All heavy atoms as atom14 arrays in JSON, in Angstrom:
{
  "sequence": "YPAPNVIEAAAGTGVTVLSLSDDQIAQTKRARLVIPAGTYAGQDSDIV",
  "atom14_mask": [
    [1, 1, 1, 1, 1, 1, 1, 1, 1, 1, 1, 1, 0, 0],
    [1, 1, 1, 1, 1, 1, 1, 0, 0, 0, 0, 0, 0, 0],
    [1, 1, 1, 1, 1, 0, 0, 0, 0, 0, 0, 0, 0, 0],
    [1, 1, 1, 1, 1, 1, 1, 0, 0, 0, 0, 0, 0, 0],
    [1, 1, 1, 1, 1, 1, 1, 1, 0, 0, 0, 0, 0, 0],
    [1, 1, 1, 1, 1, 1, 1, 0, 0, 0, 0, 0, 0, 0],
    [1, 1, 1, 1, 1, 1, 1, 1, 0, 0, 0, 0, 0, 0],
    [1, 1, 1, 1, 1, 1, 1, 1, 1, 0, 0, 0, 0, 0],
    [1, 1, 1, 1, 1, 0, 0, 0, 0, 0, 0, 0, 0, 0],
    [1, 1, 1, 1, 1, 0, 0, 0, 0, 0, 0, 0, 0, 0],
    [1, 1, 1, 1, 1, 0, 0, 0, 0, 0, 0, 0, 0, 0],
    [1, 1, 1, 1, 0, 0, 0, 0, 0, 0, 0, 0, 0, 0],
    [1, 1, 1, 1, 1, 1, 1, 0, 0, 0, 0, 0, 0, 0],
    [1, 1, 1, 1, 0, 0, 0, 0, 0, 0, 0, 0, 0, 0],
    [1, 1, 1, 1, 1, 1, 1, 0, 0, 0, 0, 0, 0, 0],
    [1, 1, 1, 1, 1, 1, 1, 0, 0, 0, 0, 0, 0, 0],
    [1, 1, 1, 1, 1, 1, 1, 0, 0, 0, 0, 0, 0, 0],
    [1, 1, 1, 1, 1, 1, 1, 1, 0, 0, 0, 0, 0, 0],
    [1, 1, 1, 1, 1, 1, 0, 0, 0, 0, 0, 0, 0, 0],
    [1, 1, 1, 1, 1, 1, 1, 1, 0, 0, 0, 0, 0, 0],
    [1, 1, 1, 1, 1, 1, 0, 0, 0, 0, 0, 0, 0, 0],
    [1, 1, 1, 1, 1, 1, 1, 1, 0, 0, 0, 0, 0, 0],
    [1, 1, 1, 1, 1, 1, 1, 1, 0, 0, 0, 0, 0, 0],
    [1, 1, 1, 1, 1, 1, 1, 1, 1, 0, 0, 0, 0, 0],
    [1, 1, 1, 1, 1, 1, 1, 1, 0, 0, 0, 0, 0, 0],
    [1, 1, 1, 1, 1, 0, 0, 0, 0, 0, 0, 0, 0, 0],
    [1, 1, 1, 1, 1, 1, 1, 1, 1, 0, 0, 0, 0, 0],
    [1, 1, 1, 1, 1, 1, 1, 0, 0, 0, 0, 0, 0, 0],
    [1, 1, 1, 1, 1, 1, 1, 1, 1, 0, 0, 0, 0, 0],
    [1, 1, 1, 1, 1, 1, 1, 1, 1, 1, 1, 0, 0, 0],
    [1, 1, 1, 1, 1, 0, 0, 0, 0, 0, 0, 0, 0, 0],
    [1, 1, 1, 1, 1, 1, 1, 1, 1, 1, 1, 0, 0, 0],
    [1, 1, 1, 1, 1, 1, 1, 1, 0, 0, 0, 0, 0, 0],
    [1, 1, 1, 1, 1, 1, 1, 0, 0, 0, 0, 0, 0, 0],
    [1, 1, 1, 1, 1, 1, 1, 1, 0, 0, 0, 0, 0, 0],
    [1, 1, 1, 1, 1, 1, 1, 0, 0, 0, 0, 0, 0, 0],
    [1, 1, 1, 1, 1, 0, 0, 0, 0, 0, 0, 0, 0, 0],
    [1, 1, 1, 1, 0, 0, 0, 0, 0, 0, 0, 0, 0, 0],
    [1, 1, 1, 1, 1, 1, 1, 0, 0, 0, 0, 0, 0, 0],
    [1, 1, 1, 1, 1, 1, 1, 1, 1, 1, 1, 1, 0, 0],
    [1, 1, 1, 1, 1, 0, 0, 0, 0, 0, 0, 0, 0, 0],
    [1, 1, 1, 1, 0, 0, 0, 0, 0, 0, 0, 0, 0, 0],
    [1, 1, 1, 1, 1, 1, 1, 1, 1, 0, 0, 0, 0, 0],
    [1, 1, 1, 1, 1, 1, 1, 1, 0, 0, 0, 0, 0, 0],
    [1, 1, 1, 1, 1, 1, 0, 0, 0, 0, 0, 0, 0, 0],
    [1, 1, 1, 1, 1, 1, 1, 1, 0, 0, 0, 0, 0, 0],
    [1, 1, 1, 1, 1, 1, 1, 1, 0, 0, 0, 0, 0, 0],
    [1, 1, 1, 1, 1, 1, 1, 0, 0, 0, 0, 0, 0, 0]
  ],
  "atom14_positions": [
    [[0.84, -1.2, 0.0], [0.0, 0.0, 0.0], [0.87, 1.25, 0.0], [1.99, 1.21, 0.52], [-0.96, -0.01, 1.2], [-0.35, 0.39, 2.53], [-0.25, 1.74, 2.91], [0.13, -0.57, 3.41], [0.31, 2.1, 4.12], [0.69, -0.21, 4.63], [0.78, 1.12, 4.98], [1.33, 1.49, 6.18], [0.0, 0.0, 0.0], [0.0, 0.0, 0.0]],
    [[0.4, 2.34, -0.59], [-0.88, 2.5, -1.3], [-0.85, 1.81, -2.66], [0.09, 1.99, -3.43], [-1.01, 4.02, -1.45], [0.39, 4.53, -1.42], [1.15, 3.61, -0.51], [0.0, 0.0, 0.0], [0.0, 0.0, 0.0], [0.0, 0.0, 0.0], [0.0, 0.0, 0.0], [0.0, 0.0, 0.0], [0.0, 0.0, 0.0], [0.0, 0.0, 0.0]],
    [[-1.89, 1.02, -2.93], [-1.97, 0.24, -4.16], [-2.44, 1.14, -5.31], [-3.45, 1.84, -5.16], [-2.93, -0.93, -3.98], [0.0, 0.0, 0.0], [0.0, 0.0, 0.0], [0.0, 0.0, 0.0], [0.0, 0.0, 0.0], [0.0, 0.0, 0.0], [0.0, 0.0, 0.0], [0.0, 0.0, 0.0], [0.0, 0.0, 0.0], [0.0, 0.0, 0.0]],
    [[-1.75, 1.13, -6.44], [-2.11, 2.01, -7.56], [-3.56, 1.88, -8.02], [-4.22, 2.88, -8.3], [-1.14, 1.59, -8.67], [0.06, 1.09, -7.92], [-0.51, 0.39, -6.71], [0.0, 0.0, 0.0], [0.0, 0.0, 0.0], [0.0, 0.0, 0.0], [0.0, 0.0, 0.0], [0.0, 0.0, 0.0], [0.0, 0.0, 0.0], [0.0, 0.0, 0.0]],
    [[-4.07, 0.63, -8.1], [-5.45, 0.46, -8.58], [-6.47, 0.97, -7.57], [-7.55, 1.44, -7.94], [-5.74, -0.99, -8.98], [-5.4, -2.0, -7.9], [-4.85, -1.67, -6.86], [-5.71, -3.27, -8.16], [0.0, 0.0, 0.0], [0.0, 0.0, 0.0], [0.0, 0.0, 0.0], [0.0, 0.0, 0.0], [0.0, 0.0, 0.0], [0.0, 0.0, 0.0]],
    [[-6.12, 0.92, -6.28], [-7.02, 1.45, -5.25], [-6.98, 2.98, -5.27], [-8.01, 3.64, -5.1], [-6.67, 0.91, -3.86], [-7.66, 1.43, -2.81], [-6.67, -0.62, -3.85], [0.0, 0.0, 0.0], [0.0, 0.0, 0.0], [0.0, 0.0, 0.0], [0.0, 0.0, 0.0], [0.0, 0.0, 0.0], [0.0, 0.0, 0.0], [0.0, 0.0, 0.0]],
    [[-5.8, 3.54, -5.48], [-5.68, 5.0, -5.61], [-6.55, 5.5, -6.76], [-7.3, 6.47, -6.62], [-4.21, 5.4, -5.86], [-3.36, 5.14, -4.62], [-4.12, 6.87, -6.26], [-1.88, 5.39, -4.83], [0.0, 0.0, 0.0], [0.0, 0.0, 0.0], [0.0, 0.0, 0.0], [0.0, 0.0, 0.0], [0.0, 0.0, 0.0], [0.0, 0.0, 0.0]],
    [[-6.48, 4.8, -7.89], [-7.25, 5.19, -9.07], [-8.75, 5.09, -8.82], [-9.52, 5.99, -9.17], [-6.86, 4.31, -10.26], [-7.54, 4.7, -11.57], [-7.19, 3.78, -12.72], [-6.35, 2.87, -12.54], [-7.76, 3.96, -13.82], [0.0, 0.0, 0.0], [0.0, 0.0, 0.0], [0.0, 0.0, 0.0], [0.0, 0.0, 0.0], [0.0, 0.0, 0.0]],
    [[-9.16, 3.98, -8.19], [-10.59, 3.79, -7.92], [-11.11, 4.82, -6.92], [-12.21, 5.36, -7.08], [-10.83, 2.38, -7.38], [0.0, 0.0, 0.0], [0.0, 0.0, 0.0], [0.0, 0.0, 0.0], [0.0, 0.0, 0.0], [0.0, 0.0, 0.0], [0.0, 0.0, 0.0], [0.0, 0.0, 0.0], [0.0, 0.0, 0.0], [0.0, 0.0, 0.0]],
    [[-10.32, 5.1, -5.89], [-10.74, 6.06, -4.87], [-10.87, 7.46, -5.44], [-11.78, 8.22, -5.08], [-9.75, 6.04, -3.71], [0.0, 0.0, 0.0], [0.0, 0.0, 0.0], [0.0, 0.0, 0.0], [0.0, 0.0, 0.0], [0.0, 0.0, 0.0], [0.0, 0.0, 0.0], [0.0, 0.0, 0.0], [0.0, 0.0, 0.0], [0.0, 0.0, 0.0]],
    [[-9.97, 7.81, -6.35], [-9.98, 9.16, -6.93], [-11.08, 9.32, -7.97], [-11.69, 10.4, -8.08], [-8.62, 9.47, -7.55], [0.0, 0.0, 0.0], [0.0, 0.0, 0.0], [0.0, 0.0, 0.0], [0.0, 0.0, 0.0], [0.0, 0.0, 0.0], [0.0, 0.0, 0.0], [0.0, 0.0, 0.0], [0.0, 0.0, 0.0], [0.0, 0.0, 0.0]],
    [[-11.35, 8.26, -8.73], [-12.28, 8.38, -9.84], [-13.71, 8.01, -9.53], [-14.64, 8.55, -10.14], [0.0, 0.0, 0.0], [0.0, 0.0, 0.0], [0.0, 0.0, 0.0], [0.0, 0.0, 0.0], [0.0, 0.0, 0.0], [0.0, 0.0, 0.0], [0.0, 0.0, 0.0], [0.0, 0.0, 0.0], [0.0, 0.0, 0.0], [0.0, 0.0, 0.0]],
    [[-13.9, 7.09, -8.6], [-15.25, 6.57, -8.33], [-15.7, 6.84, -6.91], [-16.87, 7.1, -6.64], [-15.29, 5.04, -8.58], [-14.82, 4.78, -9.9], [-16.69, 4.5, -8.44], [0.0, 0.0, 0.0], [0.0, 0.0, 0.0], [0.0, 0.0, 0.0], [0.0, 0.0, 0.0], [0.0, 0.0, 0.0], [0.0, 0.0, 0.0], [0.0, 0.0, 0.0]],
    [[-14.76, 6.77, -5.98], [-15.1, 6.83, -4.57], [-15.31, 5.42, -4.06], [-16.12, 4.67, -4.62], [0.0, 0.0, 0.0], [0.0, 0.0, 0.0], [0.0, 0.0, 0.0], [0.0, 0.0, 0.0], [0.0, 0.0, 0.0], [0.0, 0.0, 0.0], [0.0, 0.0, 0.0], [0.0, 0.0, 0.0], [0.0, 0.0, 0.0], [0.0, 0.0, 0.0]],
    [[-14.54, 5.03, -3.06], [-14.61, 3.64, -2.59], [-14.61, 3.58, -1.07], [-14.23, 4.53, -0.38], [-13.42, 2.81, -3.11], [-13.41, 2.75, -4.63], [-12.09, 3.33, -2.57], [0.0, 0.0, 0.0], [0.0, 0.0, 0.0], [0.0, 0.0, 0.0], [0.0, 0.0, 0.0], [0.0, 0.0, 0.0], [0.0, 0.0, 0.0], [0.0, 0.0, 0.0]],
    [[-15.02, 2.41, -0.58], [-14.88, 2.05, 0.82], [-14.0, 0.81, 0.88], [-14.29, -0.19, 0.22], [-16.25, 1.71, 1.46], [-17.09, 2.87, 1.4], [-16.08, 1.27, 2.9], [0.0, 0.0, 0.0], [0.0, 0.0, 0.0], [0.0, 0.0, 0.0], [0.0, 0.0, 0.0], [0.0, 0.0, 0.0], [0.0, 0.0, 0.0], [0.0, 0.0, 0.0]],
    [[-12.9, 0.89, 1.6], [-12.02, -0.27, 1.79], [-12.37, -0.88, 3.15], [-12.28, -0.2, 4.18], [-10.54, 0.12, 1.73], [-9.67, -1.12, 1.89], [-10.23, 0.82, 0.42], [0.0, 0.0, 0.0], [0.0, 0.0, 0.0], [0.0, 0.0, 0.0], [0.0, 0.0, 0.0], [0.0, 0.0, 0.0], [0.0, 0.0, 0.0], [0.0, 0.0, 0.0]],
    [[-12.8, -2.14, 3.13], [-13.3, -2.77, 4.34], [-12.21, -3.08, 5.36], [-11.09, -3.45, 5.01], [-14.03, -4.07, 3.99], [-15.22, -3.96, 3.03], [-15.87, -5.33, 2.85], [-16.24, -2.94, 3.55], [0.0, 0.0, 0.0], [0.0, 0.0, 0.0], [0.0, 0.0, 0.0], [0.0, 0.0, 0.0], [0.0, 0.0, 0.0], [0.0, 0.0, 0.0]],
    [[-12.59, -2.93, 6.63], [-11.72, -3.34, 7.74], [-12.16, -4.69, 8.25], [-13.34, -5.07, 8.15], [-11.79, -2.32, 8.88], [-10.98, -1.2, 8.62], [0.0, 0.0, 0.0], [0.0, 0.0, 0.0], [0.0, 0.0, 0.0], [0.0, 0.0, 0.0], [0.0, 0.0, 0.0], [0.0, 0.0, 0.0], [0.0, 0.0, 0.0], [0.0, 0.0, 0.0]],
    [[-11.21, -5.43, 8.82], [-11.5, -6.72, 9.43], [-11.51, -6.57, 10.94], [-10.74, -5.77, 11.5], [-10.45, -7.77, 9.05], [-10.56, -8.42, 7.67], [-10.14, -7.45, 6.57], [-9.73, -9.7, 7.59], [0.0, 0.0, 0.0], [0.0, 0.0, 0.0], [0.0, 0.0, 0.0], [0.0, 0.0, 0.0], [0.0, 0.0, 0.0], [0.0, 0.0, 0.0]],
    [[-12.37, -7.33, 11.6], [-12.38, -7.34, 13.07], [-11.22, -8.18, 13.57], [-10.61, -8.94, 12.81], [-13.69, -7.92, 13.59], [-13.77, -9.31, 13.26], [0.0, 0.0, 0.0], [0.0, 0.0, 0.0], [0.0, 0.0, 0.0], [0.0, 0.0, 0.0], [0.0, 0.0, 0.0], [0.0, 0.0, 0.0], [0.0, 0.0, 0.0], [0.0, 0.0, 0.0]],
    [[-10.91, -8.06, 14.84], [-9.82, -8.86, 15.43], [-10.11, -10.35, 15.29], [-9.21, -11.15, 15.05], [-9.62, -8.49, 16.9], [-9.0, -7.11, 17.07], [-8.45, -6.58, 16.08], [-9.09, -6.56, 18.18], [0.0, 0.0, 0.0], [0.0, 0.0, 0.0], [0.0, 0.0, 0.0], [0.0, 0.0, 0.0], [0.0, 0.0, 0.0], [0.0, 0.0, 0.0]],
    [[-11.39, -10.72, 15.43], [-11.77, -12.13, 15.3], [-11.57, -12.61, 13.87], [-11.07, -13.73, 13.65], [-13.24, -12.31, 15.72], [-13.69, -13.76, 15.6], [-13.08, -14.62, 16.27], [-14.63, -14.03, 14.82], [0.0, 0.0, 0.0], [0.0, 0.0, 0.0], [0.0, 0.0, 0.0], [0.0, 0.0, 0.0], [0.0, 0.0, 0.0], [0.0, 0.0, 0.0]],
    [[-11.93, -11.79, 12.91], [-11.74, -12.16, 11.5], [-10.25, -12.3, 11.16], [-9.85, -13.22, 10.45], [-12.4, -11.12, 10.6], [-13.93, -11.19, 10.61], [-14.57, -10.04, 9.87], [-14.02, -8.93, 9.83], [-15.74, -10.28, 9.3], [0.0, 0.0, 0.0], [0.0, 0.0, 0.0], [0.0, 0.0, 0.0], [0.0, 0.0, 0.0], [0.0, 0.0, 0.0]],
    [[-9.44, -11.4, 11.68], [-8.0, -11.47, 11.44], [-7.45, -12.76, 12.02], [-6.62, -13.45, 11.39], [-7.29, -10.25, 12.05], [-7.66, -8.99, 11.27], [-5.77, -10.44, 12.05], [-7.16, -7.7, 11.89], [0.0, 0.0, 0.0], [0.0, 0.0, 0.0], [0.0, 0.0, 0.0], [0.0, 0.0, 0.0], [0.0, 0.0, 0.0], [0.0, 0.0, 0.0]],
    [[-7.91, -13.13, 13.21], [-7.47, -14.38, 13.84], [-7.83, -15.58, 12.98], [-7.05, -16.53, 12.86], [-8.07, -14.51, 15.23], [0.0, 0.0, 0.0], [0.0, 0.0, 0.0], [0.0, 0.0, 0.0], [0.0, 0.0, 0.0], [0.0, 0.0, 0.0], [0.0, 0.0, 0.0], [0.0, 0.0, 0.0], [0.0, 0.0, 0.0], [0.0, 0.0, 0.0]],
    [[-9.01, -15.55, 12.37], [-9.44, -16.65, 11.51], [-8.54, -16.8, 10.28], [-8.28, -17.91, 9.82], [-10.89, -16.43, 11.05], [-11.94, -16.59, 12.14], [-13.34, -16.38, 11.57], [-13.77, -17.09, 10.67], [-14.04, -15.38, 12.09], [0.0, 0.0, 0.0], [0.0, 0.0, 0.0], [0.0, 0.0, 0.0], [0.0, 0.0, 0.0], [0.0, 0.0, 0.0]],
    [[-8.07, -15.68, 9.74], [-7.25, -15.74, 8.54], [-5.85, -16.26, 8.82], [-5.16, -16.72, 7.91], [-7.11, -14.34, 7.9], [-6.33, -13.49, 8.75], [-8.47, -13.72, 7.64], [0.0, 0.0, 0.0], [0.0, 0.0, 0.0], [0.0, 0.0, 0.0], [0.0, 0.0, 0.0], [0.0, 0.0, 0.0], [0.0, 0.0, 0.0], [0.0, 0.0, 0.0]],
    [[-5.4, -16.14, 10.08], [-4.04, -16.54, 10.49], [-2.96, -15.76, 9.74], [-1.86, -16.24, 9.51], [-3.84, -18.05, 10.29], [-4.78, -18.9, 11.14], [-4.54, -20.38, 10.94], [-5.5, -21.19, 11.8], [-5.32, -22.66, 11.63], [0.0, 0.0, 0.0], [0.0, 0.0, 0.0], [0.0, 0.0, 0.0], [0.0, 0.0, 0.0], [0.0, 0.0, 0.0]],
    [[-3.31, -14.53, 9.39], [-2.35, -13.63, 8.74], [-1.96, -12.51, 9.7], [-2.61, -12.3, 10.74], [-2.95, -13.01, 7.47], [-3.23, -14.01, 6.35], [-1.96, -14.64, 5.82], [-2.22, -15.47, 4.65], [-1.36, -16.31, 4.13], [-0.15, -16.43, 4.67], [-1.66, -17.04, 3.07], [0.0, 0.0, 0.0], [0.0, 0.0, 0.0], [0.0, 0.0, 0.0]],
    [[-0.93, -11.77, 9.34], [-0.46, -10.66, 10.17], [-1.43, -9.48, 10.06], [-1.96, -9.19, 8.99], [0.93, -10.23, 9.73], [0.0, 0.0, 0.0], [0.0, 0.0, 0.0], [0.0, 0.0, 0.0], [0.0, 0.0, 0.0], [0.0, 0.0, 0.0], [0.0, 0.0, 0.0], [0.0, 0.0, 0.0], [0.0, 0.0, 0.0], [0.0, 0.0, 0.0]],
    [[-1.66, -8.83, 11.18], [-2.51, -7.64, 11.22], [-1.72, -6.44, 10.69], [-0.54, -6.27, 11.0], [-2.96, -7.37, 12.66], [-3.91, -6.2, 12.86], [-4.25, -6.09, 14.34], [-5.29, -5.1, 14.63], [-5.06, -3.8, 14.84], [-3.8, -3.35, 14.81], [-6.04, -2.96, 15.11], [0.0, 0.0, 0.0], [0.0, 0.0, 0.0], [0.0, 0.0, 0.0]],
    [[-2.39, -5.6, 9.9], [-1.73, -4.42, 9.37], [-2.74, -3.28, 9.32], [-3.92, -3.48, 9.01], [-1.17, -4.69, 7.97], [-0.34, -3.57, 7.34], [0.84, -4.16, 6.53], [-1.19, -2.69, 6.42], [0.0, 0.0, 0.0], [0.0, 0.0, 0.0], [0.0, 0.0, 0.0], [0.0, 0.0, 0.0], [0.0, 0.0, 0.0], [0.0, 0.0, 0.0]],
    [[-2.29, -2.08, 9.64], [-3.15, -0.9, 9.63], [-2.72, 0.05, 8.52], [-1.56, 0.47, 8.47], [-3.11, -0.17, 10.99], [-3.95, 1.11, 10.93], [-3.61, -1.07, 12.11], [0.0, 0.0, 0.0], [0.0, 0.0, 0.0], [0.0, 0.0, 0.0], [0.0, 0.0, 0.0], [0.0, 0.0, 0.0], [0.0, 0.0, 0.0], [0.0, 0.0, 0.0]],
    [[-3.65, 0.36, 7.63], [-3.42, 1.36, 6.59], [-3.9, 2.69, 7.16], [-5.08, 2.86, 7.45], [-4.2, 1.03, 5.31], [-3.79, -0.35, 4.77], [-3.99, 2.1, 4.25], [-4.61, -0.82, 3.57], [0.0, 0.0, 0.0], [0.0, 0.0, 0.0], [0.0, 0.0, 0.0], [0.0, 0.0, 0.0], [0.0, 0.0, 0.0], [0.0, 0.0, 0.0]],
    [[-3.0, 3.64, 7.37], [-3.37, 4.89, 8.05], [-4.44, 5.69, 7.31], [-4.54, 5.65, 6.08], [-2.04, 5.67, 8.08], [-0.98, 4.65, 7.89], [-1.58, 3.6, 7.0], [0.0, 0.0, 0.0], [0.0, 0.0, 0.0], [0.0, 0.0, 0.0], [0.0, 0.0, 0.0], [0.0, 0.0, 0.0], [0.0, 0.0, 0.0], [0.0, 0.0, 0.0]],
    [[-5.24, 6.4, 8.09], [-6.25, 7.3, 7.52], [-5.57, 8.28, 6.56], [-4.44, 8.72, 6.79], [-6.95, 8.06, 8.63], [0.0, 0.0, 0.0], [0.0, 0.0, 0.0], [0.0, 0.0, 0.0], [0.0, 0.0, 0.0], [0.0, 0.0, 0.0], [0.0, 0.0, 0.0], [0.0, 0.0, 0.0], [0.0, 0.0, 0.0], [0.0, 0.0, 0.0]],
    [[-6.26, 8.59, 5.47], [-5.72, 9.53, 4.5], [-4.85, 8.9, 3.44], [-4.38, 9.6, 2.53], [0.0, 0.0, 0.0], [0.0, 0.0, 0.0], [0.0, 0.0, 0.0], [0.0, 0.0, 0.0], [0.0, 0.0, 0.0], [0.0, 0.0, 0.0], [0.0, 0.0, 0.0], [0.0, 0.0, 0.0], [0.0, 0.0, 0.0], [0.0, 0.0, 0.0]],
    [[-4.64, 7.59, 3.52], [-3.83, 6.93, 2.49], [-4.51, 7.01, 1.13], [-3.87, 7.22, 0.1], [-3.57, 5.46, 2.87], [-2.84, 5.41, 4.1], [-2.78, 4.74, 1.79], [0.0, 0.0, 0.0], [0.0, 0.0, 0.0], [0.0, 0.0, 0.0], [0.0, 0.0, 0.0], [0.0, 0.0, 0.0], [0.0, 0.0, 0.0], [0.0, 0.0, 0.0]],
    [[-5.84, 6.84, 1.14], [-6.62, 6.92, -0.1], [-7.61, 8.07, -0.01], [-8.04, 8.45, 1.1], [-7.36, 5.6, -0.34], [-6.44, 4.41, -0.48], [-6.4, 3.4, 0.49], [-5.57, 4.3, -1.56], [-5.55, 2.3, 0.36], [-4.72, 3.22, -1.69], [-4.7, 2.23, -0.73], [-3.84, 1.17, -0.85], [0.0, 0.0, 0.0], [0.0, 0.0, 0.0]],
    [[-8.0, 8.6, -1.15], [-8.97, 9.7, -1.2], [-10.27, 9.3, -0.51], [-10.79, 8.21, -0.75], [-9.24, 10.09, -2.65], [0.0, 0.0, 0.0], [0.0, 0.0, 0.0], [0.0, 0.0, 0.0], [0.0, 0.0, 0.0], [0.0, 0.0, 0.0], [0.0, 0.0, 0.0], [0.0, 0.0, 0.0], [0.0, 0.0, 0.0], [0.0, 0.0, 0.0]],
    [[-10.74, 10.15, 0.38], [-11.99, 9.88, 1.08], [-11.88, 8.94, 2.27], [-12.89, 8.62, 2.9], [0.0, 0.0, 0.0], [0.0, 0.0, 0.0], [0.0, 0.0, 0.0], [0.0, 0.0, 0.0], [0.0, 0.0, 0.0], [0.0, 0.0, 0.0], [0.0, 0.0, 0.0], [0.0, 0.0, 0.0], [0.0, 0.0, 0.0], [0.0, 0.0, 0.0]],
    [[-10.68, 8.5, 2.58], [-10.47, 7.57, 3.7], [-10.22, 8.37, 4.98], [-9.14, 8.86, 5.22], [-9.29, 6.64, 3.43], [-9.02, 5.65, 4.55], [-7.6, 5.09, 4.51], [-6.93, 5.15, 3.49], [-7.14, 4.57, 5.64], [0.0, 0.0, 0.0], [0.0, 0.0, 0.0], [0.0, 0.0, 0.0], [0.0, 0.0, 0.0], [0.0, 0.0, 0.0]],
    [[-11.26, 8.46, 5.81], [-11.19, 9.3, 7.01], [-10.67, 8.57, 8.24], [-10.37, 9.21, 9.25], [-12.58, 9.89, 7.31], [-13.08, 10.77, 6.18], [-12.25, 11.45, 5.55], [-14.3, 10.76, 5.92], [0.0, 0.0, 0.0], [0.0, 0.0, 0.0], [0.0, 0.0, 0.0], [0.0, 0.0, 0.0], [0.0, 0.0, 0.0], [0.0, 0.0, 0.0]],
    [[-10.62, 7.25, 8.18], [-10.16, 6.5, 9.36], [-9.21, 5.38, 8.93], [-9.12, 5.05, 7.74], [-11.36, 5.9, 10.11], [-12.13, 5.07, 9.25], [0.0, 0.0, 0.0], [0.0, 0.0, 0.0], [0.0, 0.0, 0.0], [0.0, 0.0, 0.0], [0.0, 0.0, 0.0], [0.0, 0.0, 0.0], [0.0, 0.0, 0.0], [0.0, 0.0, 0.0]],
    [[-8.52, 4.82, 9.92], [-7.6, 3.72, 9.63], [-8.35, 2.52, 9.07], [-9.51, 2.28, 9.43], [-6.87, 3.29, 10.91], [-5.9, 4.33, 11.42], [-5.6, 5.29, 10.69], [-5.43, 4.19, 12.57], [0.0, 0.0, 0.0], [0.0, 0.0, 0.0], [0.0, 0.0, 0.0], [0.0, 0.0, 0.0], [0.0, 0.0, 0.0], [0.0, 0.0, 0.0]],
    [[-7.68, 1.77, 8.21], [-8.21, 0.5, 7.71], [-7.41, -0.62, 8.36], [-6.19, -0.65, 8.27], [-8.06, 0.4, 6.17], [-8.85, 1.51, 5.48], [-8.51, -0.98, 5.68], [-8.48, 1.7, 4.02], [0.0, 0.0, 0.0], [0.0, 0.0, 0.0], [0.0, 0.0, 0.0], [0.0, 0.0, 0.0], [0.0, 0.0, 0.0], [0.0, 0.0, 0.0]],
    [[-8.11, -1.51, 9.04], [-7.45, -2.66, 9.68], [-7.62, -3.86, 8.76], [-8.73, -4.29, 8.46], [-8.07, -2.96, 11.06], [-7.35, -4.15, 11.7], [-7.98, -1.74, 11.97], [0.0, 0.0, 0.0], [0.0, 0.0, 0.0], [0.0, 0.0, 0.0], [0.0, 0.0, 0.0], [0.0, 0.0, 0.0], [0.0, 0.0, 0.0], [0.0, 0.0, 0.0]]
  ]
}
């Protein structure tokens, strides 16, 4: 991140990038990562 295709979509269309809950992250068995607010156009809060 920031991913070029997400930057393009956010600027041209407006998007919502979904966050995962702690329980969902545990189910995936992947590392937790936070994309800071403001990374993409219209993103007012952190994405987990």
